[in-house]
Amino acid sequence: MAIQSASELEAVVARAIIKLEKHIAERGTWPVLEDQRRVFEQIKKLARDGAKLKALREKLRAASESVGSEVPTDNSLLEDLWDIEDYVDYRA
């Protein structure tokens, strides 16, 4: 489902961060995912500032691609990341 507002974006990003933390905790340490989690924390902080979100677009794309290659079987996480990118592209 498409994200329609900044508050929904915050909620979806928070859910994605929780999922990333779960994967990190299961593995013990996962530097790549830890770096990407920081990117999503930055996105969450800027959820209400469309211009700053747009400025982070390439960083978001790289983080999403990295997460997708690291945990390709977590479809709900991948869908959340797609929704986040979609929001930044078309609604921010």
PDB file of N, CA and C in Angstrom:
ATOM      1  N   MET A   1       0.844  -1.177   0.000  1.00  0.00           N
ATOM      2  CA  MET A   1       0.000   0.000   0.000  1.00  0.00           C
ATOM      3  C   MET A   1       0.894   1.246   0.000  1.00  0.00           C
ATOM      4  N   ALA A   2       0.558   2.188  -0.820  1.00  0.00           N
ATOM      5  CA  ALA A   2       1.364   3.393  -0.960  1.00  0.00           C
ATOM      6  C   ALA A   2       1.278   4.271   0.288  1.00  0.00           C
ATOM      7  N   ILE A   3       2.389   4.839   0.640  1.00  0.00           N
ATOM      8  CA  ILE A   3       2.461   5.764   1.762  1.00  0.00           C
ATOM      9  C   ILE A   3       1.887   7.094   1.303  1.00  0.00           C
ATOM     10  N   GLN A   4       0.978   7.670   2.086  1.00  0.00           N
ATOM     11  CA  GLN A   4       0.289   8.886   1.688  1.00  0.00           C
ATOM     12  C   GLN A   4       0.720  10.138   2.440  1.00  0.00           C
ATOM     13  N   SER A   5       1.376   9.982   3.586  1.00  0.00           N
ATOM     14  CA  SER A   5       1.708  11.155   4.395  1.00  0.00           C
ATOM     15  C   SER A   5       3.052  10.963   5.093  1.00  0.00           C
ATOM     16  N   ALA A   6       3.560  12.066   5.613  1.00  0.00           N
ATOM     17  CA  ALA A   6       4.831  12.017   6.340  1.00  0.00           C
ATOM     18  C   ALA A   6       4.724  11.143   7.584  1.00  0.00           C
ATOM     19  N   SER A   7       3.581  11.161   8.246  1.00  0.00           N
ATOM     20  CA  SER A   7       3.424  10.328   9.445  1.00  0.00           C
ATOM     21  C   SER A   7       3.410   8.843   9.082  1.00  0.00           C
ATOM     22  N   GLU A   8       2.806   8.507   7.945  1.00  0.00           N
ATOM     23  CA  GLU A   8       2.860   7.118   7.481  1.00  0.00           C
ATOM     24  C   GLU A   8       4.293   6.741   7.114  1.00  0.00           C
ATOM     25  N   LEU A   9       5.001   7.670   6.481  1.00  0.00           N
ATOM     26  CA  LEU A   9       6.398   7.415   6.143  1.00  0.00           C
ATOM     27  C   LEU A   9       7.199   7.113   7.403  1.00  0.00           C
ATOM     28  N   GLU A  10       7.017   7.920   8.435  1.00  0.00           N
ATOM     29  CA  GLU A  10       7.718   7.686   9.703  1.00  0.00           C
ATOM     30  C   GLU A  10       7.425   6.295  10.239  1.00  0.00           C
ATOM     31  N   ALA A  11       6.169   5.878  10.169  1.00  0.00           N
ATOM     32  CA  ALA A  11       5.782   4.562  10.686  1.00  0.00           C
ATOM     33  C   ALA A  11       6.410   3.429   9.870  1.00  0.00           C
ATOM     34  N   VAL A  12       6.397   3.556   8.554  1.00  0.00           N
ATOM     35  CA  VAL A  12       6.963   2.506   7.707  1.00  0.00           C
ATOM     36  C   VAL A  12       8.478   2.442   7.868  1.00  0.00           C
ATOM     37  N   VAL A  13       9.121   3.588   7.957  1.00  0.00           N
ATOM     38  CA  VAL A  13      10.571   3.595   8.169  1.00  0.00           C
ATOM     39  C   VAL A  13      10.908   2.991   9.531  1.00  0.00           C
ATOM     40  N   ALA A  14      10.130   3.320  10.555  1.00  0.00           N
ATOM     41  CA  ALA A  14      10.360   2.739  11.887  1.00  0.00           C
ATOM     42  C   ALA A  14      10.227   1.218  11.827  1.00  0.00           C
ATOM     43  N   ARG A  15       9.213   0.738  11.095  1.00  0.00           N
ATOM     44  CA  ARG A  15       9.019  -0.714  10.966  1.00  0.00           C
ATOM     45  C   ARG A  15      10.202  -1.344  10.232  1.00  0.00           C
ATOM     46  N   ALA A  16      10.699  -0.689   9.201  1.00  0.00           N
ATOM     47  CA  ALA A  16      11.855  -1.203   8.469  1.00  0.00           C
ATOM     48  C   ALA A  16      13.095  -1.242   9.368  1.00  0.00           C
ATOM     49  N   ILE A  17      13.271  -0.221  10.177  1.00  0.00           N
ATOM     50  CA  ILE A  17      14.409  -0.193  11.105  1.00  0.00           C
ATOM     51  C   ILE A  17      14.322  -1.347  12.093  1.00  0.00           C
ATOM     52  N   ILE A  18      13.136  -1.610  12.597  1.00  0.00           N
ATOM     53  CA  ILE A  18      12.948  -2.732  13.528  1.00  0.00           C
ATOM     54  C   ILE A  18      13.302  -4.053  12.852  1.00  0.00           C
ATOM     55  N   LYS A  19      12.874  -4.225  11.613  1.00  0.00           N
ATOM     56  CA  LYS A  19      13.195  -5.452  10.878  1.00  0.00           C
ATOM     57  C   LYS A  19      14.697  -5.576  10.651  1.00  0.00           C
ATOM     58  N   LEU A  20      15.346  -4.468  10.315  1.00  0.00           N
ATOM     59  CA  LEU A  20      16.796  -4.499  10.152  1.00  0.00           C
ATOM     60  C   LEU A  20      17.486  -4.875  11.459  1.00  0.00           C
ATOM     61  N   GLU A  21      17.024  -4.285  12.551  1.00  0.00           N
ATOM     62  CA  GLU A  21      17.607  -4.604  13.861  1.00  0.00           C
ATOM     63  C   GLU A  21      17.410  -6.075  14.207  1.00  0.00           C
ATOM     64  N   LYS A  22      16.288  -6.638  13.829  1.00  0.00           N
ATOM     65  CA  LYS A  22      16.028  -8.063  14.071  1.00  0.00           C
ATOM     66  C   LYS A  22      17.037  -8.923  13.310  1.00  0.00           C
ATOM     67  N   HIS A  23      17.272  -8.591  12.043  1.00  0.00           N
ATOM     68  CA  HIS A  23      18.252  -9.350  11.255  1.00  0.00           C
ATOM     69  C   HIS A  23      19.649  -9.210  11.845  1.00  0.00           C
ATOM     70  N   ILE A  24      19.988  -8.011  12.265  1.00  0.00           N
ATOM     71  CA  ILE A  24      21.304  -7.778  12.871  1.00  0.00           C
ATOM     72  C   ILE A  24      21.443  -8.589  14.159  1.00  0.00           C
ATOM     73  N   ALA A  25      20.402  -8.577  14.983  1.00  0.00           N
ATOM     74  CA  ALA A  25      20.440  -9.313  16.249  1.00  0.00           C
ATOM     75  C   ALA A  25      20.549 -10.822  16.022  1.00  0.00           C
ATOM     76  N   GLU A  26      19.860 -11.320  15.014  1.00  0.00           N
ATOM     77  CA  GLU A  26      19.916 -12.757  14.724  1.00  0.00           C
ATOM     78  C   GLU A  26      21.306 -13.188  14.286  1.00  0.00           C
ATOM     79  N   ARG A  27      21.988 -12.332  13.584  1.00  0.00           N
ATOM     80  CA  ARG A  27      23.318 -12.665  13.073  1.00  0.00           C
ATOM     81  C   ARG A  27      24.424 -12.322  14.064  1.00  0.00           C
ATOM     82  N   GLY A  28      24.152 -11.416  14.982  1.00  0.00           N
ATOM     83  CA  GLY A  28      25.155 -11.021  15.967  1.00  0.00           C
ATOM     84  C   GLY A  28      25.796  -9.698  15.605  1.00  0.00           C
ATOM     85  N   THR A  29      26.344  -9.625  14.432  1.00  0.00           N
ATOM     86  CA  THR A  29      26.886  -8.387  13.915  1.00  0.00           C
ATOM     87  C   THR A  29      26.762  -8.439  12.403  1.00  0.00           C
ATOM     88  N   TRP A  30      26.427  -7.305  11.818  1.00  0.00           N
ATOM     89  CA  TRP A  30      26.232  -7.264  10.375  1.00  0.00           C
ATOM     90  C   TRP A  30      26.511  -5.833   9.933  1.00  0.00           C
ATOM     91  N   PRO A  31      27.781  -5.484   9.749  1.00  0.00           N
ATOM     92  CA  PRO A  31      28.166  -4.097   9.470  1.00  0.00           C
ATOM     93  C   PRO A  31      27.412  -3.453   8.309  1.00  0.00           C
ATOM     94  N   VAL A  32      27.155  -4.200   7.257  1.00  0.00           N
ATOM     95  CA  VAL A  32      26.463  -3.625   6.101  1.00  0.00           C
ATOM     96  C   VAL A  32      25.061  -3.175   6.505  1.00  0.00           C
ATOM     97  N   LEU A  33      24.336  -4.048   7.195  1.00  0.00           N
ATOM     98  CA  LEU A  33      22.984  -3.687   7.616  1.00  0.00           C
ATOM     99  C   LEU A  33      23.004  -2.598   8.677  1.00  0.00           C
ATOM    100  N   GLU A  34      24.012  -2.591   9.513  1.00  0.00           N
ATOM    101  CA  GLU A  34      24.111  -1.540  10.523  1.00  0.00           C
ATOM    102  C   GLU A  34      24.285  -0.175   9.855  1.00  0.00           C
ATOM    103  N   ASP A  35      25.083  -0.121   8.799  1.00  0.00           N
ATOM    104  CA  ASP A  35      25.255   1.133   8.051  1.00  0.00           C
ATOM    105  C   ASP A  35      23.944   1.555   7.400  1.00  0.00           C
ATOM    106  N   GLN A  36      23.247   0.602   6.817  1.00  0.00           N
ATOM    107  CA  GLN A  36      21.992   0.929   6.144  1.00  0.00           C
ATOM    108  C   GLN A  36      20.910   1.334   7.143  1.00  0.00           C
ATOM    109  N   ARG A  37      20.935   0.739   8.314  1.00  0.00           N
ATOM    110  CA  ARG A  37      19.985   1.134   9.366  1.00  0.00           C
ATOM    111  C   ARG A  37      20.165   2.616   9.696  1.00  0.00           C
ATOM    112  N   ARG A  38      21.402   3.076   9.746  1.00  0.00           N
ATOM    113  CA  ARG A  38      21.663   4.489  10.018  1.00  0.00           C
ATOM    114  C   ARG A  38      21.080   5.391   8.925  1.00  0.00           C
ATOM    115  N   VAL A  39      21.126   4.940   7.692  1.00  0.00           N
ATOM    116  CA  VAL A  39      20.527   5.714   6.590  1.00  0.00           C
ATOM    117  C   VAL A  39      19.025   5.837   6.819  1.00  0.00           C
ATOM    118  N   PHE A  40      18.373   4.747   7.197  1.00  0.00           N
ATOM    119  CA  PHE A  40      16.931   4.791   7.407  1.00  0.00           C
ATOM    120  C   PHE A  40      16.552   5.598   8.649  1.00  0.00           C
ATOM    121  N   GLU A  41      17.416   5.615   9.642  1.00  0.00           N
ATOM    122  CA  GLU A  41      17.182   6.484  10.797  1.00  0.00           C
ATOM    123  C   GLU A  41      17.242   7.950  10.372  1.00  0.00           C
ATOM    124  N   GLN A  42      18.147   8.261   9.475  1.00  0.00           N
ATOM    125  CA  GLN A  42      18.258   9.623   8.942  1.00  0.00           C
ATOM    126  C   GLN A  42      16.998   9.974   8.140  1.00  0.00           C
ATOM    127  N   ILE A  43      16.510   9.043   7.337  1.00  0.00           N
ATOM    128  CA  ILE A  43      15.283   9.255   6.560  1.00  0.00           C
ATOM    129  C   ILE A  43      14.111   9.520   7.505  1.00  0.00           C
ATOM    130  N   LYS A  44      14.027   8.750   8.570  1.00  0.00           N
ATOM    131  CA  LYS A  44      12.923   8.923   9.524  1.00  0.00           C
ATOM    132  C   LYS A  44      12.954  10.317  10.143  1.00  0.00           C
ATOM    133  N   LYS A  45      14.137  10.799  10.496  1.00  0.00           N
ATOM    134  CA  LYS A  45      14.256  12.125  11.098  1.00  0.00           C
ATOM    135  C   LYS A  45      13.834  13.233  10.137  1.00  0.00           C
ATOM    136  N   LEU A  46      13.997  12.996   8.849  1.00  0.00           N
ATOM    137  CA  LEU A  46      13.701  14.020   7.845  1.00  0.00           C
ATOM    138  C   LEU A  46      12.363  13.793   7.140  1.00  0.00           C
ATOM    139  N   ALA A  47      11.540  12.919   7.668  1.00  0.00           N
ATOM    140  CA  ALA A  47      10.295  12.528   6.997  1.00  0.00           C
ATOM    141  C   ALA A  47       9.379  13.698   6.679  1.00  0.00           C
ATOM    142  N   ARG A  48       9.464  14.767   7.427  1.00  0.00           N
ATOM    143  CA  ARG A  48       8.571  15.908   7.222  1.00  0.00           C
ATOM    144  C   ARG A  48       9.217  17.042   6.425  1.00  0.00           C
ATOM    145  N   ASP A  49      10.379  16.773   5.882  1.00  0.00           N
ATOM    146  CA  ASP A  49      11.091  17.779   5.093  1.00  0.00           C
ATOM    147  C   ASP A  49      11.369  17.219   3.696  1.00  0.00           C
ATOM    148  N   GLY A  50      10.446  17.466   2.787  1.00  0.00           N
ATOM    149  CA  GLY A  50      10.519  16.910   1.439  1.00  0.00           C
ATOM    150  C   GLY A  50      11.801  17.233   0.697  1.00  0.00           C
ATOM    151  N   ALA A  51      12.283  18.457   0.819  1.00  0.00           N
ATOM    152  CA  ALA A  51      13.494  18.850   0.103  1.00  0.00           C
ATOM    153  C   ALA A  51      14.709  18.059   0.589  1.00  0.00           C
ATOM    154  N   LYS A  52      14.816  17.878   1.885  1.00  0.00           N
ATOM    155  CA  LYS A  52      15.946  17.121   2.428  1.00  0.00           C
ATOM    156  C   LYS A  52      15.824  15.635   2.093  1.00  0.00           C
ATOM    157  N   LEU A  53      14.584  15.130   2.050  1.00  0.00           N
ATOM    158  CA  LEU A  53      14.383  13.739   1.643  1.00  0.00           C
ATOM    159  C   LEU A  53      14.846  13.531   0.201  1.00  0.00           C
ATOM    160  N   LYS A  54      14.464  14.455  -0.665  1.00  0.00           N
ATOM    161  CA  LYS A  54      14.873  14.363  -2.071  1.00  0.00           C
ATOM    162  C   LYS A  54      16.401  14.376  -2.190  1.00  0.00           C
ATOM    163  N   ALA A  55      17.052  15.167  -1.349  1.00  0.00           N
ATOM    164  CA  ALA A  55      18.514  15.245  -1.383  1.00  0.00           C
ATOM    165  C   ALA A  55      19.162  13.918  -0.991  1.00  0.00           C
ATOM    166  N   LEU A  56      18.457  13.109  -0.209  1.00  0.00           N
ATOM    167  CA  LEU A  56      18.978  11.810   0.228  1.00  0.00           C
ATOM    168  C   LEU A  56      18.561  10.677  -0.694  1.00  0.00           C
ATOM    169  N   ARG A  57      17.948  10.999  -1.817  1.00  0.00           N
ATOM    170  CA  ARG A  57      17.372   9.970  -2.693  1.00  0.00           C
ATOM    171  C   ARG A  57      18.387   8.925  -3.129  1.00  0.00           C
ATOM    172  N   GLU A  58      19.541   9.330  -3.569  1.00  0.00           N
ATOM    173  CA  GLU A  58      20.548   8.367  -4.032  1.00  0.00           C
ATOM    174  C   GLU A  58      21.071   7.510  -2.877  1.00  0.00           C
ATOM    175  N   LYS A  59      21.224   8.118  -1.732  1.00  0.00           N
ATOM    176  CA  LYS A  59      21.662   7.379  -0.545  1.00  0.00           C
ATOM    177  C   LYS A  59      20.603   6.339  -0.171  1.00  0.00           C
ATOM    178  N   LEU A  60      19.337   6.717  -0.269  1.00  0.00           N
ATOM    179  CA  LEU A  60      18.233   5.793   0.008  1.00  0.00           C
ATOM    180  C   LEU A  60      18.235   4.643  -0.987  1.00  0.00           C
ATOM    181  N   ARG A  61      18.402   4.950  -2.254  1.00  0.00           N
ATOM    182  CA  ARG A  61      18.426   3.900  -3.279  1.00  0.00           C
ATOM    183  C   ARG A  61      19.563   2.921  -3.018  1.00  0.00           C
ATOM    184  N   ALA A  62      20.738   3.434  -2.724  1.00  0.00           N
ATOM    185  CA  ALA A  62      21.881   2.563  -2.448  1.00  0.00           C
ATOM    186  C   ALA A  62      21.633   1.694  -1.216  1.00  0.00           C
ATOM    187  N   ALA A  63      21.053   2.288  -0.182  1.00  0.00           N
ATOM    188  CA  ALA A  63      20.755   1.525   1.036  1.00  0.00           C
ATOM    189  C   ALA A  63      19.730   0.435   0.755  1.00  0.00           C
ATOM    190  N   SER A  64      18.708   0.759  -0.002  1.00  0.00           N
ATOM    191  CA  SER A  64      17.680  -0.229  -0.331  1.00  0.00           C
ATOM    192  C   SER A  64      18.259  -1.385  -1.139  1.00  0.00           C
ATOM    193  N   GLU A  65      19.085  -1.067  -2.108  1.00  0.00           N
ATOM    194  CA  GLU A  65      19.721  -2.107  -2.922  1.00  0.00           C
ATOM    195  C   GLU A  65      20.625  -2.988  -2.077  1.00  0.00           C
ATOM    196  N   SER A  66      21.359  -2.371  -1.175  1.00  0.00           N
ATOM    197  CA  SER A  66      22.252  -3.121  -0.299  1.00  0.00           C
ATOM    198  C   SER A  66      21.469  -4.064   0.609  1.00  0.00           C
ATOM    199  N   VAL A  67      20.403  -3.557   1.201  1.00  0.00           N
ATOM    200  CA  VAL A  67      19.569  -4.395   2.066  1.00  0.00           C
ATOM    201  C   VAL A  67      18.971  -5.532   1.240  1.00  0.00           C
ATOM    202  N   GLY A  68      18.504  -5.222   0.034  1.00  0.00           N
ATOM    203  CA  GLY A  68      17.926  -6.249  -0.826  1.00  0.00           C
ATOM    204  C   GLY A  68      18.899  -7.366  -1.154  1.00  0.00           C
ATOM    205  N   SER A  69      20.160  -7.027  -1.333  1.00  0.00           N
ATOM    206  CA  SER A  69      21.149  -8.067  -1.625  1.00  0.00           C
ATOM    207  C   SER A  69      21.556  -8.845  -0.373  1.00  0.00           C
ATOM    208  N   GLU A  70      21.463  -8.214   0.790  1.00  0.00           N
ATOM    209  CA  GLU A  70      21.845  -8.878   2.039  1.00  0.00           C
ATOM    210  C   GLU A  70      20.740  -9.785   2.601  1.00  0.00           C
ATOM    211  N   VAL A  71      19.494  -9.358   2.469  1.00  0.00           N
ATOM    212  CA  VAL A  71      18.367 -10.149   2.995  1.00  0.00           C
ATOM    213  C   VAL A  71      17.270 -10.281   1.923  1.00  0.00           C
ATOM    214  N   PRO A  72      17.578 -10.983   0.833  1.00  0.00           N
ATOM    215  CA  PRO A  72      16.635 -11.053  -0.283  1.00  0.00           C
ATOM    216  C   PRO A  72      15.359 -11.835   0.010  1.00  0.00           C
ATOM    217  N   THR A  73      15.322 -12.568   1.094  1.00  0.00           N
ATOM    218  CA  THR A  73      14.148 -13.395   1.386  1.00  0.00           C
ATOM    219  C   THR A  73      13.125 -12.709   2.282  1.00  0.00           C
ATOM    220  N   ASP A  74      13.431 -11.526   2.802  1.00  0.00           N
ATOM    221  CA  ASP A  74      12.487 -10.813   3.671  1.00  0.00           C
ATOM    222  C   ASP A  74      11.608  -9.903   2.801  1.00  0.00           C
ATOM    223  N   ASN A  75      10.583 -10.508   2.232  1.00  0.00           N
ATOM    224  CA  ASN A  75       9.736  -9.773   1.287  1.00  0.00           C
ATOM    225  C   ASN A  75       9.020  -8.587   1.914  1.00  0.00           C
ATOM    226  N   SER A  76       8.581  -8.706   3.149  1.00  0.00           N
ATOM    227  CA  SER A  76       7.876  -7.574   3.765  1.00  0.00           C
ATOM    228  C   SER A  76       8.814  -6.389   3.960  1.00  0.00           C
ATOM    229  N   LEU A  77      10.062  -6.638   4.306  1.00  0.00           N
ATOM    230  CA  LEU A  77      11.047  -5.561   4.427  1.00  0.00           C
ATOM    231  C   LEU A  77      11.302  -4.931   3.060  1.00  0.00           C
ATOM    232  N   LEU A  78      11.464  -5.760   2.046  1.00  0.00           N
ATOM    233  CA  LEU A  78      11.722  -5.246   0.704  1.00  0.00           C
ATOM    234  C   LEU A  78      10.545  -4.416   0.197  1.00  0.00           C
ATOM    235  N   GLU A  79       9.327  -4.828   0.506  1.00  0.00           N
ATOM    236  CA  GLU A  79       8.149  -4.045   0.128  1.00  0.00           C
ATOM    237  C   GLU A  79       8.126  -2.698   0.853  1.00  0.00           C
ATOM    238  N   ASP A  80       8.483  -2.708   2.128  1.00  0.00           N
ATOM    239  CA  ASP A  80       8.556  -1.446   2.881  1.00  0.00           C
ATOM    240  C   ASP A  80       9.573  -0.498   2.245  1.00  0.00           C
ATOM    241  N   LEU A  81      10.718  -1.031   1.865  1.00  0.00           N
ATOM    242  CA  LEU A  81      11.758  -0.198   1.260  1.00  0.00           C
ATOM    243  C   LEU A  81      11.285   0.370  -0.073  1.00  0.00           C
ATOM    244  N   TRP A  82      10.576  -0.439  -0.850  1.00  0.00           N
ATOM    245  CA  TRP A  82      10.036   0.051  -2.120  1.00  0.00           C
ATOM    246  C   TRP A  82       9.033   1.176  -1.865  1.00  0.00           C
ATOM    247  N   ASP A  83       8.178   0.983  -0.852  1.00  0.00           N
ATOM    248  CA  ASP A  83       7.193   2.021  -0.522  1.00  0.00           C
ATOM    249  C   ASP A  83       7.868   3.322  -0.080  1.00  0.00           C
ATOM    250  N   ILE A  84       8.949   3.208   0.676  1.00  0.00           N
ATOM    251  CA  ILE A  84       9.693   4.389   1.125  1.00  0.00           C
ATOM    252  C   ILE A  84      10.273   5.122  -0.085  1.00  0.00           C
ATOM    253  N   GLU A  85      10.901   4.372  -0.982  1.00  0.00           N
ATOM    254  CA  GLU A  85      11.461   4.995  -2.183  1.00  0.00           C
ATOM    255  C   GLU A  85      10.372   5.660  -3.023  1.00  0.00           C
ATOM    256  N   ASP A  86       9.247   4.982  -3.163  1.00  0.00           N
ATOM    257  CA  ASP A  86       8.126   5.524  -3.926  1.00  0.00           C
ATOM    258  C   ASP A  86       7.648   6.848  -3.325  1.00  0.00           C
ATOM    259  N   TYR A  87       7.535   6.888  -2.013  1.00  0.00           N
ATOM    260  CA  TYR A  87       7.100   8.126  -1.351  1.00  0.00           C
ATOM    261  C   TYR A  87       8.090   9.263  -1.633  1.00  0.00           C
ATOM    262  N   VAL A  88       9.358   8.986  -1.477  1.00  0.00           N
ATOM    263  CA  VAL A  88      10.372  10.031  -1.700  1.00  0.00           C
ATOM    264  C   VAL A  88      10.350  10.493  -3.155  1.00  0.00           C
ATOM    265  N   ASP A  89      10.162   9.573  -4.078  1.00  0.00           N
ATOM    266  CA  ASP A  89      10.136   9.936  -5.497  1.00  0.00           C
ATOM    267  C   ASP A  89       8.920  10.768  -5.876  1.00  0.00           C
ATOM    268  N   TYR A  90       7.756  10.409  -5.368  1.00  0.00           N
ATOM    269  CA  TYR A  90       6.518  10.982  -5.893  1.00  0.00           C
ATOM    270  C   TYR A  90       5.699  11.840  -4.938  1.00  0.00           C
ATOM    271  N   ARG A  91       5.983  11.790  -3.645  1.00  0.00           N
ATOM    272  CA  ARG A  91       5.137  12.518  -2.721  1.00  0.00           C
ATOM    273  C   ARG A  91       5.875  13.495  -1.816  1.00  0.00           C
ATOM    274  N   ALA A  92       7.196  13.383  -1.775  1.00  0.00           N
ATOM    275  CA  ALA A  92       7.973  14.271  -0.904  1.00  0.00           C
ATOM    276  C   ALA A  92       8.144  15.630  -1.547  1.00  0.00           C
TER     277      ALA A  92
END
